Amino acid sequence: MTGASLSERFKRFASTECKGSSRLYEFLSMKISGASDLLELSSYCRPGQPVPNLFFAAVHYLLLSGVDHELREFYPDLVDEPRPVEESFHVFHDFCQRYRDDVIRLLQTRLVQTNEIRRCTYLYPSFCHIYNKTEKPLSLIEIGTSAGLQLLWDQFQYSYETGESYGNLNSPVHLTARLRNGVMPPLSRKSPPVVFRAGIDLHVIDLSNKDDYLWLKALIWPDHRERLQWFEQAAQMIKSHPVNLIEGDGVILLVRVSSGGVKFVVPN
């Protein structure tokens, strides 16, 4: 990928994904788009990966893992009162120069694999509808499961601007969603029963592994404190509600998994 195309990718990332969501990443993305040495560094990303996401996650991971550098002072998830984003670029640039080899190693070995559990707010009414139609317990197979956190959808609590809660009312994970056009989705007060749940991914994430845990955490943008809180709570829950995970191609394995012909493992 050429420097020009990478520059354009960071500009688009700033304007279409970061704007209104992350002031830090928006500002840094625009600055990176004009910095040839940082664009060259980002080019070490594995083919097919979203370059800005992976690049920022690599830097974030190093900070979370304990690298002591002034850059941490700009990250809202690392300090209570972050410094102004307008002062961050020269510090970010210095960090990338100092830890260039570590950044490259992560860009070449890691993938963007998020577990966005807020998606469960629309999975919940969908599964409620299916259960109400069939009146049979559910069996779930998720392709592209990452760490499998979304497979715990029935263990979370939900609110939909109605003043009422649904799902597991004792859950520490309480997800909220806004209704479009005031249309109330089909909901059951209690979560439908689940008798089988399994996740398939080309690269399964094992949350009992410290490095895997930190990597998923690093993929969460530092401005998104609520999302970070939900992730940490769900990651704790999976310890007491383990899910079946298998590493492989979901398209190839789907039939075997659904027929019970595959053993489930979490790789070390």
C-alpha atoms as a PDB file:
ATOM      1  CA  MET A   1       0.000   0.000   0.000  1.00  0.00           C
ATOM      2  CA  THR A   2       1.416   3.388  -1.014  1.00  0.00           C
ATOM      3  CA  GLY A   3       1.981   6.316   1.304  1.00  0.00           C
ATOM      4  CA  ALA A   4      -0.702   8.293  -0.543  1.00  0.00           C
ATOM      5  CA  SER A   5      -3.325   5.598  -0.063  1.00  0.00           C
ATOM      6  CA  LEU A   6      -2.408   5.204   3.600  1.00  0.00           C
ATOM      7  CA  SER A   7      -2.633   8.961   4.067  1.00  0.00           C
ATOM      8  CA  GLU A   8      -6.108   8.981   2.557  1.00  0.00           C
ATOM      9  CA  ARG A   9      -7.138   6.070   4.760  1.00  0.00           C
ATOM     10  CA  PHE A  10      -6.170   7.936   7.937  1.00  0.00           C
ATOM     11  CA  LYS A  11      -8.011  11.041   6.727  1.00  0.00           C
ATOM     12  CA  ARG A  12     -11.172   9.008   6.122  1.00  0.00           C
ATOM     13  CA  PHE A  13     -10.765   7.315   9.482  1.00  0.00           C
ATOM     14  CA  ALA A  14     -10.609  10.714  11.173  1.00  0.00           C
ATOM     15  CA  SER A  15     -13.628  12.176   9.390  1.00  0.00           C
ATOM     16  CA  THR A  16     -15.964   9.178   9.168  1.00  0.00           C
ATOM     17  CA  GLU A  17     -15.155   7.030  12.213  1.00  0.00           C
ATOM     18  CA  CYS A  18     -13.476   9.202  14.845  1.00  0.00           C
ATOM     19  CA  LYS A  19     -15.383  12.466  14.487  1.00  0.00           C
ATOM     20  CA  GLY A  20     -17.786  12.779  17.399  1.00  0.00           C
ATOM     21  CA  SER A  21     -16.445   9.576  18.942  1.00  0.00           C
ATOM     22  CA  SER A  22     -12.762  10.074  19.772  1.00  0.00           C
ATOM     23  CA  ARG A  23     -11.129  13.505  19.767  1.00  0.00           C
ATOM     24  CA  LEU A  24      -7.728  11.946  20.428  1.00  0.00           C
ATOM     25  CA  TYR A  25      -7.829   9.513  17.507  1.00  0.00           C
ATOM     26  CA  GLU A  26      -9.405  12.095  15.200  1.00  0.00           C
ATOM     27  CA  PHE A  27      -6.611  14.590  15.883  1.00  0.00           C
ATOM     28  CA  LEU A  28      -3.815  12.020  15.665  1.00  0.00           C
ATOM     29  CA  SER A  29      -5.218  10.481  12.469  1.00  0.00           C
ATOM     30  CA  MET A  30      -5.137  13.803  10.652  1.00  0.00           C
ATOM     31  CA  LYS A  31      -1.564  14.426  11.831  1.00  0.00           C
ATOM     32  CA  ILE A  32      -0.446  10.906  10.869  1.00  0.00           C
ATOM     33  CA  SER A  33      -1.900  11.394   7.380  1.00  0.00           C
ATOM     34  CA  GLY A  34       0.819  13.982   6.762  1.00  0.00           C
ATOM     35  CA  ALA A  35       3.712  12.186   8.495  1.00  0.00           C
ATOM     36  CA  SER A  36       5.583   9.990   6.017  1.00  0.00           C
ATOM     37  CA  ASP A  37       7.572   8.083   8.659  1.00  0.00           C
ATOM     38  CA  LEU A  38       4.429   7.118  10.618  1.00  0.00           C
ATOM     39  CA  LEU A  39       2.628   6.134   7.423  1.00  0.00           C
ATOM     40  CA  GLU A  40       5.600   3.908   6.614  1.00  0.00           C
ATOM     41  CA  LEU A  41       5.403   2.378  10.091  1.00  0.00           C
ATOM     42  CA  SER A  42       1.673   1.709   9.705  1.00  0.00           C
ATOM     43  CA  SER A  43       2.371  -0.126   6.428  1.00  0.00           C
ATOM     44  CA  TYR A  44       3.642  -3.108   8.446  1.00  0.00           C
ATOM     45  CA  CYS A  45       0.031  -4.039   9.236  1.00  0.00           C
ATOM     46  CA  ARG A  46      -1.006  -7.491   8.110  1.00  0.00           C
ATOM     47  CA  PRO A  47      -2.843  -7.515   4.757  1.00  0.00           C
ATOM     48  CA  GLY A  48      -6.601  -7.123   4.987  1.00  0.00           C
ATOM     49  CA  GLN A  49      -6.563  -5.389   8.359  1.00  0.00           C
ATOM     50  CA  PRO A  50      -8.043  -1.918   9.014  1.00  0.00           C
ATOM     51  CA  VAL A  51      -4.746  -0.044   9.269  1.00  0.00           C
ATOM     52  CA  PRO A  52      -5.661   2.887  11.571  1.00  0.00           C
ATOM     53  CA  ASN A  53      -7.482   0.624  14.049  1.00  0.00           C
ATOM     54  CA  LEU A  54      -4.592  -1.822  14.245  1.00  0.00           C
ATOM     55  CA  PHE A  55      -1.974   0.935  14.450  1.00  0.00           C
ATOM     56  CA  PHE A  56      -3.696   2.754  17.311  1.00  0.00           C
ATOM     57  CA  ALA A  57      -4.400  -0.536  19.109  1.00  0.00           C
ATOM     58  CA  ALA A  58      -0.714  -1.487  18.969  1.00  0.00           C
ATOM     59  CA  VAL A  59       0.282   1.792  20.634  1.00  0.00           C
ATOM     60  CA  HIS A  60      -2.542   1.514  23.162  1.00  0.00           C
ATOM     61  CA  TYR A  61      -1.532  -2.063  24.000  1.00  0.00           C
ATOM     62  CA  LEU A  62       2.044  -1.034  24.799  1.00  0.00           C
ATOM     63  CA  LEU A  63       0.784   1.702  27.118  1.00  0.00           C
ATOM     64  CA  LEU A  64      -1.627  -0.686  28.846  1.00  0.00           C
ATOM     65  CA  SER A  65       1.140  -3.265  29.264  1.00  0.00           C
ATOM     66  CA  GLY A  66       3.156  -0.800  31.325  1.00  0.00           C
ATOM     67  CA  VAL A  67       5.429   1.091  28.931  1.00  0.00           C
ATOM     68  CA  ASP A  68       6.334   4.273  30.801  1.00  0.00           C
ATOM     69  CA  HIS A  69       6.053   7.211  28.426  1.00  0.00           C
ATOM     70  CA  GLU A  70       4.621  10.705  28.463  1.00  0.00           C
ATOM     71  CA  LEU A  71       2.033   9.642  25.862  1.00  0.00           C
ATOM     72  CA  ARG A  72      -0.094   7.952  28.527  1.00  0.00           C
ATOM     73  CA  GLU A  73      -0.986  11.415  29.845  1.00  0.00           C
ATOM     74  CA  PHE A  74      -3.252  11.952  26.812  1.00  0.00           C
ATOM     75  CA  TYR A  75      -5.298   8.748  27.193  1.00  0.00           C
ATOM     76  CA  PRO A  76      -8.604   9.175  29.110  1.00  0.00           C
ATOM     77  CA  ASP A  77      -8.592   5.532  30.204  1.00  0.00           C
ATOM     78  CA  LEU A  78      -5.117   5.831  31.736  1.00  0.00           C
ATOM     79  CA  VAL A  79      -5.280   9.159  33.575  1.00  0.00           C
ATOM     80  CA  ASP A  80      -8.121  11.002  35.290  1.00  0.00           C
ATOM     81  CA  GLU A  81      -7.347  14.346  33.688  1.00  0.00           C
ATOM     82  CA  PRO A  82      -5.818  13.837  30.230  1.00  0.00           C
ATOM     83  CA  ARG A  83      -3.785  16.585  28.614  1.00  0.00           C
ATOM     84  CA  PRO A  84      -5.248  18.486  25.633  1.00  0.00           C
ATOM     85  CA  VAL A  85      -5.264  16.430  22.438  1.00  0.00           C
ATOM     86  CA  GLU A  86      -3.751  19.376  20.546  1.00  0.00           C
ATOM     87  CA  GLU A  87      -0.482  18.741  22.392  1.00  0.00           C
ATOM     88  CA  SER A  88      -0.376  15.003  21.721  1.00  0.00           C
ATOM     89  CA  PHE A  89       1.142  14.540  18.278  1.00  0.00           C
ATOM     90  CA  HIS A  90       4.807  15.248  18.951  1.00  0.00           C
ATOM     91  CA  VAL A  91       4.617  12.950  21.993  1.00  0.00           C
ATOM     92  CA  PHE A  92       2.865  10.236  19.939  1.00  0.00           C
ATOM     93  CA  HIS A  93       5.549  10.604  17.271  1.00  0.00           C
ATOM     94  CA  ASP A  94       8.325  10.200  19.842  1.00  0.00           C
ATOM     95  CA  PHE A  95       6.638   7.089  21.271  1.00  0.00           C
ATOM     96  CA  CYS A  96       6.447   5.461  17.845  1.00  0.00           C
ATOM     97  CA  GLN A  97      10.119   6.194  17.186  1.00  0.00           C
ATOM     98  CA  ARG A  98      11.251   4.812  20.540  1.00  0.00           C
ATOM     99  CA  TYR A  99       9.132   1.666  20.389  1.00  0.00           C
ATOM    100  CA  ARG A 100       9.126   1.147  16.632  1.00  0.00           C
ATOM    101  CA  ASP A 101      10.191  -2.523  16.820  1.00  0.00           C
ATOM    102  CA  ASP A 102       7.496  -3.328  19.389  1.00  0.00           C
ATOM    103  CA  VAL A 103       4.842  -1.607  17.283  1.00  0.00           C
ATOM    104  CA  ILE A 104       5.936  -3.523  14.165  1.00  0.00           C
ATOM    105  CA  ARG A 105       5.819  -6.837  16.039  1.00  0.00           C
ATOM    106  CA  LEU A 106       2.210  -6.185  17.054  1.00  0.00           C
ATOM    107  CA  LEU A 107       1.194  -4.979  13.593  1.00  0.00           C
ATOM    108  CA  GLN A 108       2.541  -8.192  12.093  1.00  0.00           C
ATOM    109  CA  THR A 109       1.121 -10.631  14.647  1.00  0.00           C
ATOM    110  CA  ARG A 110      -2.177  -9.184  15.897  1.00  0.00           C
ATOM    111  CA  LEU A 111      -5.620  -8.743  14.345  1.00  0.00           C
ATOM    112  CA  VAL A 112      -8.496  -6.334  14.899  1.00  0.00           C
ATOM    113  CA  GLN A 113     -10.918  -8.573  16.831  1.00  0.00           C
ATOM    114  CA  THR A 114     -13.392  -6.574  18.856  1.00  0.00           C
ATOM    115  CA  ASN A 115     -16.140  -7.939  21.097  1.00  0.00           C
ATOM    116  CA  GLU A 116     -18.712  -5.145  20.966  1.00  0.00           C
ATOM    117  CA  ILE A 117     -21.237  -6.405  23.501  1.00  0.00           C
ATOM    118  CA  ARG A 118     -23.579  -3.464  22.871  1.00  0.00           C
ATOM    119  CA  ARG A 119     -24.650  -5.432  19.798  1.00  0.00           C
ATOM    120  CA  CYS A 120     -26.430  -7.710  22.249  1.00  0.00           C
ATOM    121  CA  THR A 121     -29.091  -5.006  22.656  1.00  0.00           C
ATOM    122  CA  TYR A 122     -30.483  -6.026  19.264  1.00  0.00           C
ATOM    123  CA  LEU A 123     -29.626  -9.703  19.623  1.00  0.00           C
ATOM    124  CA  TYR A 124     -31.809  -9.883  22.738  1.00  0.00           C
ATOM    125  CA  PRO A 125     -35.120  -8.906  21.071  1.00  0.00           C
ATOM    126  CA  SER A 126     -34.216 -11.029  18.034  1.00  0.00           C
ATOM    127  CA  PHE A 127     -33.743 -14.141  20.146  1.00  0.00           C
ATOM    128  CA  CYS A 128     -36.851 -13.308  22.170  1.00  0.00           C
ATOM    129  CA  HIS A 129     -38.833 -13.232  18.929  1.00  0.00           C
ATOM    130  CA  ILE A 130     -37.419 -16.578  17.792  1.00  0.00           C
ATOM    131  CA  TYR A 131     -38.165 -18.192  21.149  1.00  0.00           C
ATOM    132  CA  ASN A 132     -41.707 -16.813  21.221  1.00  0.00           C
ATOM    133  CA  LYS A 133     -42.301 -18.284  17.761  1.00  0.00           C
ATOM    134  CA  THR A 134     -40.769 -21.714  18.379  1.00  0.00           C
ATOM    135  CA  GLU A 135     -41.245 -22.135  22.139  1.00  0.00           C
ATOM    136  CA  LYS A 136     -38.058 -24.193  22.127  1.00  0.00           C
ATOM    137  CA  PRO A 137     -34.711 -23.559  23.878  1.00  0.00           C
ATOM    138  CA  LEU A 138     -32.072 -21.947  21.689  1.00  0.00           C
ATOM    139  CA  SER A 139     -28.815 -23.356  20.342  1.00  0.00           C
ATOM    140  CA  LEU A 140     -26.281 -20.744  19.248  1.00  0.00           C
ATOM    141  CA  ILE A 141     -23.271 -20.825  16.938  1.00  0.00           C
ATOM    142  CA  GLU A 142     -21.355 -17.586  16.395  1.00  0.00           C
ATOM    143  CA  ILE A 143     -18.890 -17.262  13.512  1.00  0.00           C
ATOM    144  CA  GLY A 144     -16.169 -14.681  14.107  1.00  0.00           C
ATOM    145  CA  THR A 145     -16.604 -14.993  17.851  1.00  0.00           C
ATOM    146  CA  SER A 146     -13.232 -13.571  18.982  1.00  0.00           C
ATOM    147  CA  ALA A 147     -13.420 -14.172  22.770  1.00  0.00           C
ATOM    148  CA  GLY A 148     -17.075 -15.261  22.749  1.00  0.00           C
ATOM    149  CA  LEU A 149     -18.436 -12.461  24.943  1.00  0.00           C
ATOM    150  CA  GLN A 150     -21.549 -11.944  22.815  1.00  0.00           C
ATOM    151  CA  LEU A 151     -22.489 -15.565  23.419  1.00  0.00           C
ATOM    152  CA  LEU A 152     -23.331 -14.450  26.967  1.00  0.00           C
ATOM    153  CA  TRP A 153     -26.156 -12.198  25.718  1.00  0.00           C
ATOM    154  CA  ASP A 154     -28.714 -14.025  27.899  1.00  0.00           C
ATOM    155  CA  GLN A 155     -26.664 -13.219  31.015  1.00  0.00           C
ATOM    156  CA  PHE A 156     -26.850  -9.428  30.539  1.00  0.00           C
ATOM    157  CA  GLN A 157     -29.454  -6.904  31.653  1.00  0.00           C
ATOM    158  CA  TYR A 158     -31.137  -4.584  29.116  1.00  0.00           C
ATOM    159  CA  SER A 159     -33.065  -1.317  29.086  1.00  0.00           C
ATOM    160  CA  TYR A 160     -34.836   0.247  26.081  1.00  0.00           C
ATOM    161  CA  GLU A 161     -35.997   3.676  27.312  1.00  0.00           C
ATOM    162  CA  THR A 162     -39.150   2.208  28.817  1.00  0.00           C
ATOM    163  CA  GLY A 163     -38.245   2.467  32.492  1.00  0.00           C
ATOM    164  CA  GLU A 164     -38.182  -1.329  32.687  1.00  0.00           C
ATOM    165  CA  SER A 165     -35.350  -3.848  32.592  1.00  0.00           C
ATOM    166  CA  TYR A 166     -35.137  -7.188  30.816  1.00  0.00           C
ATOM    167  CA  GLY A 167     -32.900 -10.239  30.775  1.00  0.00           C
ATOM    168  CA  ASN A 168     -30.796 -11.166  33.777  1.00  0.00           C
ATOM    169  CA  LEU A 169     -31.787  -8.496  36.301  1.00  0.00           C
ATOM    170  CA  ASN A 170     -28.926  -9.504  38.614  1.00  0.00           C
ATOM    171  CA  SER A 171     -26.248  -9.062  35.959  1.00  0.00           C
ATOM    172  CA  PRO A 172     -23.451  -6.546  36.558  1.00  0.00           C
ATOM    173  CA  VAL A 173     -23.567  -5.792  32.810  1.00  0.00           C
ATOM    174  CA  HIS A 174     -26.486  -3.414  32.154  1.00  0.00           C
ATOM    175  CA  LEU A 175     -26.751  -2.444  28.476  1.00  0.00           C
ATOM    176  CA  THR A 176     -28.970   0.358  27.248  1.00  0.00           C
ATOM    177  CA  ALA A 177     -30.290   1.250  23.792  1.00  0.00           C
ATOM    178  CA  ARG A 178     -32.424   3.940  22.184  1.00  0.00           C
ATOM    179  CA  LEU A 179     -35.529   3.029  20.209  1.00  0.00           C
ATOM    180  CA  ARG A 180     -35.859   4.290  16.661  1.00  0.00           C
ATOM    181  CA  ASN A 181     -39.207   5.889  15.844  1.00  0.00           C
ATOM    182  CA  GLY A 182     -40.520   4.723  19.199  1.00  0.00           C
ATOM    183  CA  VAL A 183     -40.994   1.165  17.897  1.00  0.00           C
ATOM    184  CA  MET A 184     -40.811  -1.329  20.747  1.00  0.00           C
ATOM    185  CA  PRO A 185     -39.091  -4.600  19.788  1.00  0.00           C
ATOM    186  CA  PRO A 186     -40.472  -7.985  20.889  1.00  0.00           C
ATOM    187  CA  LEU A 187     -39.169  -8.550  24.399  1.00  0.00           C
ATOM    188  CA  SER A 188     -39.493 -11.169  27.095  1.00  0.00           C
ATOM    189  CA  ARG A 189     -39.009 -10.167  30.693  1.00  0.00           C
ATOM    190  CA  LYS A 190     -36.577 -13.050  31.242  1.00  0.00           C
ATOM    191  CA  SER A 191     -33.922 -14.272  28.862  1.00  0.00           C
ATOM    192  CA  PRO A 192     -34.948 -17.221  26.648  1.00  0.00           C
ATOM    193  CA  PRO A 193     -33.315 -20.513  27.665  1.00  0.00           C
ATOM    194  CA  VAL A 194     -30.088 -21.502  25.886  1.00  0.00           C
ATOM    195  CA  VAL A 195     -29.064 -25.176  25.803  1.00  0.00           C
ATOM    196  CA  PHE A 196     -25.992 -24.909  23.584  1.00  0.00           C
ATOM    197  CA  ARG A 197     -23.616 -22.106  22.639  1.00  0.00           C
ATOM    198  CA  ALA A 198     -20.421 -22.245  20.603  1.00  0.00           C
ATOM    199  CA  GLY A 199     -18.109 -19.794  18.906  1.00  0.00           C
ATOM    200  CA  ILE A 200     -15.807 -20.249  15.901  1.00  0.00           C
ATOM    201  CA  ASP A 201     -12.981 -17.939  14.884  1.00  0.00           C
ATOM    202  CA  LEU A 202      -9.868 -18.144  12.755  1.00  0.00           C
ATOM    203  CA  HIS A 203      -7.984 -16.764  15.765  1.00  0.00           C
ATOM    204  CA  VAL A 204      -9.731 -17.411  19.069  1.00  0.00           C
ATOM    205  CA  ILE A 205      -9.032 -14.980  21.906  1.00  0.00           C
ATOM    206  CA  ASP A 206      -8.432 -16.582  25.311  1.00  0.00           C
ATOM    207  CA  LEU A 207      -9.333 -14.056  28.008  1.00  0.00           C
ATOM    208  CA  SER A 208      -7.514 -16.098  30.652  1.00  0.00           C
ATOM    209  CA  ASN A 209      -4.323 -15.184  28.784  1.00  0.00           C
ATOM    210  CA  LYS A 210      -3.062 -11.809  30.001  1.00  0.00           C
ATOM    211  CA  ASP A 211      -1.759 -10.735  26.575  1.00  0.00           C
ATOM    212  CA  ASP A 212      -5.031 -11.625  24.837  1.00  0.00           C
ATOM    213  CA  TYR A 213      -7.003  -9.799  27.507  1.00  0.00           C
ATOM    214  CA  LEU A 214      -4.859  -6.677  27.137  1.00  0.00           C
ATOM    215  CA  TRP A 215      -5.123  -6.821  23.352  1.00  0.00           C
ATOM    216  CA  LEU A 216      -8.928  -6.804  23.411  1.00  0.00           C
ATOM    217  CA  LYS A 217      -8.774  -3.974  25.909  1.00  0.00           C
ATOM    218  CA  ALA A 218      -6.359  -2.066  23.654  1.00  0.00           C
ATOM    219  CA  LEU A 219      -8.819  -2.284  20.769  1.00  0.00           C
ATOM    220  CA  ILE A 220     -11.302  -0.228  22.789  1.00  0.00           C
ATOM    221  CA  TRP A 221     -10.765   3.441  22.067  1.00  0.00           C
ATOM    222  CA  PRO A 222      -9.407   5.271  25.121  1.00  0.00           C
ATOM    223  CA  ASP A 223     -12.315   7.759  25.100  1.00  0.00           C
ATOM    224  CA  HIS A 224     -14.929   4.985  25.446  1.00  0.00           C
ATOM    225  CA  ARG A 225     -14.943   4.486  29.197  1.00  0.00           C
ATOM    226  CA  GLU A 226     -18.441   2.971  29.338  1.00  0.00           C
ATOM    227  CA  ARG A 227     -17.536   0.423  26.696  1.00  0.00           C
ATOM    228  CA  LEU A 228     -14.369  -0.417  28.635  1.00  0.00           C
ATOM    229  CA  GLN A 229     -16.404  -0.958  31.788  1.00  0.00           C
ATOM    230  CA  TRP A 230     -18.797  -3.300  29.988  1.00  0.00           C
ATOM    231  CA  PHE A 231     -15.896  -5.254  28.527  1.00  0.00           C
ATOM    232  CA  GLU A 232     -14.215  -5.724  31.903  1.00  0.00           C
ATOM    233  CA  GLN A 233     -17.482  -6.827  33.511  1.00  0.00           C
ATOM    234  CA  ALA A 234     -18.286  -9.281  30.713  1.00  0.00           C
ATOM    235  CA  ALA A 235     -14.724 -10.642  30.781  1.00  0.00           C
ATOM    236  CA  GLN A 236     -15.196 -11.426  34.478  1.00  0.00           C
ATOM    237  CA  MET A 237     -18.526 -13.120  33.771  1.00  0.00           C
ATOM    238  CA  ILE A 238     -17.053 -15.485  31.199  1.00  0.00           C
ATOM    239  CA  LYS A 239     -14.961 -17.042  33.974  1.00  0.00           C
ATOM    240  CA  SER A 240     -18.126 -18.373  35.628  1.00  0.00           C
ATOM    241  CA  HIS A 241     -20.023 -18.868  32.347  1.00  0.00           C
ATOM    242  CA  PRO A 242     -17.447 -20.502  30.027  1.00  0.00           C
ATOM    243  CA  VAL A 243     -18.375 -20.887  26.366  1.00  0.00           C
ATOM    244  CA  ASN A 244     -17.344 -23.465  23.791  1.00  0.00           C
ATOM    245  CA  LEU A 245     -14.736 -22.024  21.415  1.00  0.00           C
ATOM    246  CA  ILE A 246     -13.008 -23.576  18.435  1.00  0.00           C
ATOM    247  CA  GLU A 247     -10.324 -22.172  16.170  1.00  0.00           C
ATOM    248  CA  GLY A 248     -10.926 -22.633  12.464  1.00  0.00           C
ATOM    249  CA  ASP A 249     -12.915 -21.598   9.399  1.00  0.00           C
ATOM    250  CA  GLY A 250     -16.554 -21.115  10.368  1.00  0.00           C
ATOM    251  CA  VAL A 251     -17.852 -21.793   6.865  1.00  0.00           C
ATOM    252  CA  ILE A 252     -16.105 -25.163   6.796  1.00  0.00           C
ATOM    253  CA  LEU A 253     -16.837 -26.122  10.422  1.00  0.00           C
ATOM    254  CA  LEU A 254     -20.452 -24.964  10.722  1.00  0.00           C
ATOM    255  CA  VAL A 255     -22.038 -28.308   9.775  1.00  0.00           C
ATOM    256  CA  ARG A 256     -19.667 -30.316  11.978  1.00  0.00           C
ATOM    257  CA  VAL A 257     -20.216 -28.025  14.962  1.00  0.00           C
ATOM    258  CA  SER A 258     -23.993 -28.067  14.616  1.00  0.00           C
ATOM    259  CA  SER A 259     -23.943 -31.871  14.463  1.00  0.00           C
ATOM    260  CA  GLY A 260     -21.693 -32.202  17.514  1.00  0.00           C
ATOM    261  CA  GLY A 261     -18.736 -33.503  15.573  1.00  0.00           C
ATOM    262  CA  VAL A 262     -16.136 -31.054  16.834  1.00  0.00           C
ATOM    263  CA  LYS A 263     -14.308 -30.766  20.130  1.00  0.00           C
ATOM    264  CA  PHE A 264     -14.069 -27.262  21.516  1.00  0.00           C
ATOM    265  CA  VAL A 265     -10.840 -25.825  22.760  1.00  0.00           C
ATOM    266  CA  VAL A 266      -9.321 -22.489  23.665  1.00  0.00           C
ATOM    267  CA  PRO A 267      -5.722 -22.411  22.407  1.00  0.00           C
ATOM    268  CA  ASN A 268      -2.944 -21.568  24.823  1.00  0.00           C
END
